Amino acid sequence: MAHYKVEQDDGLTVYLKYLLAVFNFFFWMGGAAVMAVGVWTLVEKSGYLGVLASSTFAASAYILIFAGTLVMVTGFLGFGAVIREDRSCLSAYFCLLLVIFLVELVAGVLAHVYYQRLSEGLKQHLTRTLAEDYRQPGAAEITASVDRLQQEFRCCGSNSSADWQHSTYILSPEAEGRRVPDSCCKTVVARCGQRAHPSNIYKVEGGCIAKLEQFLADHLLLMGAAGIGVACLQICGMILTCCWHRRVQLHLH
């Protein structure tokens, strides 16, 4: 009977070992996905960061990149711990899982806080940016962000094209009689902004604010989903690691 119990215990240990190895594979893949989401957000959508009221959106993306990289490194450590059946490696692996979980929790809280404060702060900041900073000295990055925003989202102005009437740029001689920037035009050509007719420029209800809010909400949701997915995997991983650590400890004694 005792011999049967030993065989049963050995079978459970082997089962846990392979289960933890499979978990590490999916965990590593999850880390790669999280890092990819963060990199894509910064590289592909960095042109909008200049018009955002705070750096929280970018910070959340950087945290995801950091967490994803840490997950991939931890996945390799997990494979090593499983193969070597080393308790110290298992302990380090568990601690890293816990650290990553806390990092992703911070990223999730930042994303949630940013989403709650998104609407009003974004509206005020974008309206002020259009009025005071567009095409002004030292504001090349903001100008490029606004132009890209209006062209890619097919919108004009913060709430409407009328917002540009109070812009420092439009009121200056540099505008050359433009009523809106050329980036508001459906077909961008030199000085096309002189004609602010709906057939020539984008007249979108809600202006660029509505489009930008939806864009940010969608990306925060994507970042949150990626973080939650890996966090759920981590909880399973921490449970499996504890069980495996206990089996190794009993096996050694």
Protein backbone atom coordinates (compact mmCIF):
# COMPACT_ATOMS: atom_id res chain seq x y z
CA MET A 1 0.00 0.00 0.00
CA ALA A 2 2.88 2.34 0.92
CA HIS A 3 4.60 1.48 -2.37
CA TYR A 4 1.39 2.35 -4.27
CA LYS A 5 1.19 5.70 -2.43
CA VAL A 6 4.81 6.52 -3.36
CA GLU A 7 4.06 5.75 -7.03
CA GLN A 8 0.91 7.86 -6.83
CA ASP A 9 2.89 10.76 -5.33
CA ASP A 10 5.57 10.44 -8.03
CA GLY A 11 2.85 10.42 -10.71
CA LEU A 12 1.33 13.59 -9.24
CA THR A 13 4.76 15.25 -9.16
CA VAL A 14 5.37 14.42 -12.83
CA TYR A 15 1.86 15.64 -13.70
CA LEU A 16 2.48 18.96 -11.89
CA LYS A 17 5.86 19.28 -13.61
CA TYR A 18 4.40 18.97 -17.10
CA LEU A 19 1.44 21.17 -16.19
CA LEU A 20 3.81 23.91 -15.01
CA ALA A 21 5.86 23.54 -18.21
CA VAL A 22 2.70 23.98 -20.33
CA PHE A 23 1.71 26.98 -18.21
CA ASN A 24 5.12 28.57 -18.79
CA PHE A 25 4.71 28.26 -22.54
CA PHE A 26 1.37 30.07 -22.51
CA PHE A 27 2.70 32.53 -19.94
CA TRP A 28 5.65 33.39 -22.21
CA MET A 29 3.28 33.83 -25.16
CA GLY A 30 1.06 36.08 -23.03
CA GLY A 31 4.09 38.20 -22.13
CA ALA A 32 5.00 38.57 -25.79
CA ALA A 33 1.40 39.66 -26.55
CA VAL A 34 1.37 42.23 -23.71
CA MET A 35 4.72 43.68 -24.83
CA ALA A 36 3.49 43.81 -28.44
CA VAL A 37 0.37 45.77 -27.40
CA GLY A 38 2.51 48.28 -25.50
CA VAL A 39 5.03 48.71 -28.34
CA TRP A 40 2.27 49.01 -30.96
CA THR A 41 0.50 51.68 -28.89
CA LEU A 42 3.65 53.79 -28.59
CA VAL A 43 5.05 53.30 -32.10
CA GLU A 44 1.86 53.32 -34.14
CA LYS A 45 -0.14 55.84 -32.11
CA SER A 46 2.62 58.08 -30.72
CA GLY A 47 1.51 60.87 -33.06
CA TYR A 48 -1.49 61.56 -30.80
CA LEU A 49 0.49 61.76 -27.53
CA GLY A 50 1.30 65.45 -28.09
CA VAL A 51 -2.36 66.46 -27.74
CA LEU A 52 -3.10 64.46 -24.59
CA ALA A 53 -3.57 66.29 -21.30
CA SER A 54 -1.32 63.92 -19.33
CA SER A 55 1.36 61.28 -19.84
CA THR A 56 -0.71 58.56 -18.10
CA PHE A 57 -1.68 56.92 -21.40
CA ALA A 58 1.97 56.65 -22.46
CA ALA A 59 2.96 55.53 -18.94
CA SER A 60 0.45 52.67 -19.10
CA ALA A 61 1.97 51.55 -22.43
CA TYR A 62 5.52 51.69 -21.00
CA ILE A 63 4.41 49.66 -17.98
CA LEU A 64 2.92 47.04 -20.31
CA ILE A 65 6.19 46.84 -22.26
CA PHE A 66 8.14 46.46 -19.01
CA ALA A 67 5.71 43.85 -17.67
CA GLY A 68 5.71 41.92 -20.96
CA THR A 69 9.52 41.81 -21.06
CA LEU A 70 9.63 40.70 -17.42
CA VAL A 71 7.05 38.00 -18.16
CA MET A 72 9.16 36.60 -21.01
CA VAL A 73 12.31 36.54 -18.84
CA THR A 74 10.33 34.96 -16.01
CA GLY A 75 8.98 32.33 -18.41
CA PHE A 76 12.54 31.23 -19.20
CA LEU A 77 13.34 31.11 -15.48
CA GLY A 78 10.23 28.99 -14.95
CA PHE A 79 11.37 26.45 -17.57
CA GLY A 80 14.75 26.26 -15.85
CA ALA A 81 13.16 25.77 -12.43
CA VAL A 82 10.93 22.97 -13.73
CA ILE A 83 13.76 21.14 -15.49
CA ARG A 84 16.22 21.44 -12.59
CA GLU A 85 13.60 20.96 -9.85
CA ASP A 86 15.45 23.62 -7.85
CA ARG A 87 13.55 25.05 -4.87
CA SER A 88 15.50 28.33 -4.84
CA CYS A 89 14.68 28.86 -8.54
CA LEU A 90 11.04 28.06 -7.82
CA SER A 91 11.00 30.60 -4.98
CA ALA A 92 12.56 33.27 -7.23
CA TYR A 93 10.07 32.38 -9.97
CA PHE A 94 7.14 32.78 -7.56
CA CYS A 95 8.46 36.17 -6.36
CA LEU A 96 8.80 37.39 -9.96
CA LEU A 97 5.24 36.29 -10.73
CA LEU A 98 4.07 38.30 -7.73
CA VAL A 99 6.07 41.39 -8.81
CA ILE A 100 4.66 41.20 -12.36
CA PHE A 101 1.15 40.84 -10.96
CA LEU A 102 1.63 44.02 -8.89
CA VAL A 103 3.10 45.91 -11.89
CA GLU A 104 0.10 44.98 -14.02
CA LEU A 105 -2.21 45.97 -11.19
CA VAL A 106 -0.61 49.44 -11.14
CA ALA A 107 -1.00 49.69 -14.94
CA GLY A 108 -4.66 48.70 -14.64
CA VAL A 109 -5.30 51.30 -11.93
CA LEU A 110 -3.56 54.01 -14.00
CA ALA A 111 -5.65 53.12 -17.05
CA HIS A 112 -8.87 53.18 -15.00
CA VAL A 113 -8.04 56.52 -13.34
CA TYR A 114 -7.10 58.02 -16.72
CA TYR A 115 -10.34 56.79 -18.28
CA GLN A 116 -12.41 58.35 -15.46
CA ARG A 117 -10.74 61.75 -15.93
CA LEU A 118 -10.54 61.51 -19.68
CA SER A 119 -13.45 63.55 -21.01
CA GLU A 120 -13.27 66.95 -19.32
CA GLY A 121 -9.47 67.19 -19.10
CA LEU A 122 -9.04 66.15 -22.73
CA LYS A 123 -11.67 68.63 -23.93
CA GLN A 124 -10.08 71.59 -22.14
CA HIS A 125 -6.54 70.64 -23.13
CA LEU A 126 -7.27 70.09 -26.82
CA THR A 127 -9.28 73.32 -27.13
CA ARG A 128 -6.43 75.26 -25.51
CA THR A 129 -3.85 73.51 -27.70
CA LEU A 130 -5.68 74.47 -30.89
CA ALA A 131 -6.10 78.06 -29.75
CA GLU A 132 -2.67 78.76 -28.28
CA ASP A 133 -0.06 76.24 -29.44
CA TYR A 134 -0.83 75.24 -33.03
CA ARG A 135 1.85 76.48 -35.47
CA GLN A 136 3.60 78.44 -32.73
CA PRO A 137 7.39 78.55 -32.18
CA GLY A 138 8.67 75.49 -30.33
CA ALA A 139 5.41 73.57 -30.82
CA ALA A 140 6.32 71.52 -33.91
CA GLU A 141 5.43 68.20 -32.20
CA ILE A 142 2.01 69.48 -31.09
CA THR A 143 1.32 70.88 -34.58
CA ALA A 144 2.20 67.54 -36.18
CA SER A 145 -0.03 65.72 -33.65
CA VAL A 146 -3.01 67.98 -34.38
CA ASP A 147 -2.55 67.64 -38.16
CA ARG A 148 -2.30 63.87 -37.93
CA LEU A 149 -5.30 63.72 -35.61
CA GLN A 150 -7.51 65.74 -37.98
CA GLN A 151 -6.44 63.81 -41.07
CA GLU A 152 -6.63 60.28 -39.65
CA PHE A 153 -9.86 60.84 -37.71
CA ARG A 154 -11.36 62.99 -40.49
CA CYS A 155 -12.39 65.76 -38.11
CA CYS A 156 -11.80 69.49 -37.70
CA GLY A 157 -11.46 71.40 -34.44
CA SER A 158 -11.95 70.32 -30.87
CA ASN A 159 -15.77 70.39 -30.83
CA SER A 160 -16.30 71.78 -34.35
CA SER A 161 -14.46 73.66 -37.08
CA ALA A 162 -15.64 76.91 -35.43
CA ASP A 163 -13.03 76.38 -32.68
CA TRP A 164 -10.34 77.51 -35.12
CA GLN A 165 -11.83 81.03 -35.29
CA HIS A 166 -10.14 81.80 -31.95
CA SER A 167 -6.79 80.22 -32.85
CA THR A 168 -3.65 82.37 -32.63
CA TYR A 169 -2.49 80.84 -35.89
CA ILE A 170 -5.71 81.50 -37.86
CA LEU A 171 -5.78 85.12 -36.60
CA SER A 172 -2.16 85.68 -37.62
CA PRO A 173 -0.84 86.86 -41.05
CA GLU A 174 0.91 83.48 -41.33
CA ALA A 175 -2.48 81.83 -41.95
CA GLU A 176 -2.78 83.68 -45.27
CA GLY A 177 -6.55 83.97 -45.01
CA ARG A 178 -7.16 80.38 -43.93
CA ARG A 179 -10.28 79.83 -41.84
CA VAL A 180 -9.06 76.41 -40.72
CA PRO A 181 -5.72 74.59 -41.08
CA ASP A 182 -5.14 72.68 -44.32
CA SER A 183 -5.26 69.40 -42.33
CA CYS A 184 -9.03 69.92 -41.95
CA CYS A 185 -9.47 69.50 -45.71
CA LYS A 186 -10.78 66.31 -47.26
CA THR A 187 -8.13 66.69 -49.95
CA VAL A 188 -5.09 68.50 -48.60
CA VAL A 189 -3.56 71.05 -50.96
CA ALA A 190 -1.83 74.35 -50.25
CA ARG A 191 -4.17 76.95 -48.65
CA CYS A 192 -7.23 74.67 -49.01
CA GLY A 193 -8.22 75.81 -45.51
CA GLN A 194 -9.31 79.17 -46.91
CA ARG A 195 -12.64 77.60 -47.84
CA ALA A 196 -14.49 76.26 -44.78
CA HIS A 197 -17.42 74.71 -46.66
CA PRO A 198 -18.65 71.19 -45.67
CA SER A 199 -17.83 69.99 -49.18
CA ASN A 200 -14.19 70.95 -48.60
CA ILE A 201 -13.49 70.30 -44.90
CA TYR A 202 -14.53 67.66 -42.36
CA LYS A 203 -17.66 68.70 -40.46
CA VAL A 204 -17.98 65.91 -37.90
CA GLU A 205 -20.50 66.10 -35.08
CA GLY A 206 -18.62 66.31 -31.80
CA GLY A 207 -15.39 67.31 -33.52
CA CYS A 208 -12.08 65.59 -32.84
CA ILE A 209 -12.85 65.21 -29.12
CA ALA A 210 -15.47 62.51 -29.72
CA LYS A 211 -13.14 60.61 -32.08
CA LEU A 212 -10.12 60.88 -29.75
CA GLU A 213 -12.13 59.81 -26.70
CA GLN A 214 -13.34 56.71 -28.52
CA PHE A 215 -9.81 55.92 -29.71
CA LEU A 216 -8.37 56.21 -26.18
CA ALA A 217 -11.22 54.22 -24.63
CA ASP A 218 -10.70 51.39 -27.15
CA HIS A 219 -6.95 51.28 -26.52
CA LEU A 220 -7.32 51.43 -22.74
CA LEU A 221 -9.77 48.53 -23.02
CA LEU A 222 -7.26 46.58 -25.13
CA MET A 223 -4.42 47.27 -22.69
CA GLY A 224 -6.66 46.32 -19.76
CA ALA A 225 -7.76 43.07 -21.43
CA ALA A 226 -4.15 42.10 -22.16
CA GLY A 227 -3.14 42.83 -18.56
CA ILE A 228 -6.10 40.96 -17.05
CA GLY A 229 -5.48 37.94 -19.30
CA VAL A 230 -1.86 37.60 -18.18
CA ALA A 231 -2.82 38.35 -14.54
CA CYS A 232 -5.26 35.41 -14.58
CA LEU A 233 -2.50 33.20 -15.97
CA GLN A 234 -0.21 34.40 -13.17
CA ILE A 235 -2.66 33.43 -10.44
CA CYS A 236 -2.80 29.91 -11.91
CA GLY A 237 0.99 29.94 -12.17
CA MET A 238 1.48 30.97 -8.53
CA ILE A 239 -0.87 28.19 -7.37
CA LEU A 240 0.92 25.61 -9.55
CA THR A 241 4.33 26.86 -8.35
CA CYS A 242 3.30 26.51 -4.69
CA CYS A 243 2.03 22.97 -5.32
CA TRP A 244 5.15 22.03 -7.27
CA HIS A 245 7.44 23.54 -4.60
CA ARG A 246 5.66 21.50 -1.93
CA ARG A 247 5.93 18.27 -3.97
CA VAL A 248 9.68 18.85 -4.54
CA GLN A 249 10.17 19.54 -0.85
CA LEU A 250 8.31 16.36 0.18
CA HIS A 251 10.21 14.36 -2.45
CA LEU A 252 13.56 15.55 -1.08
CA HIS A 253 12.57 14.63 2.47
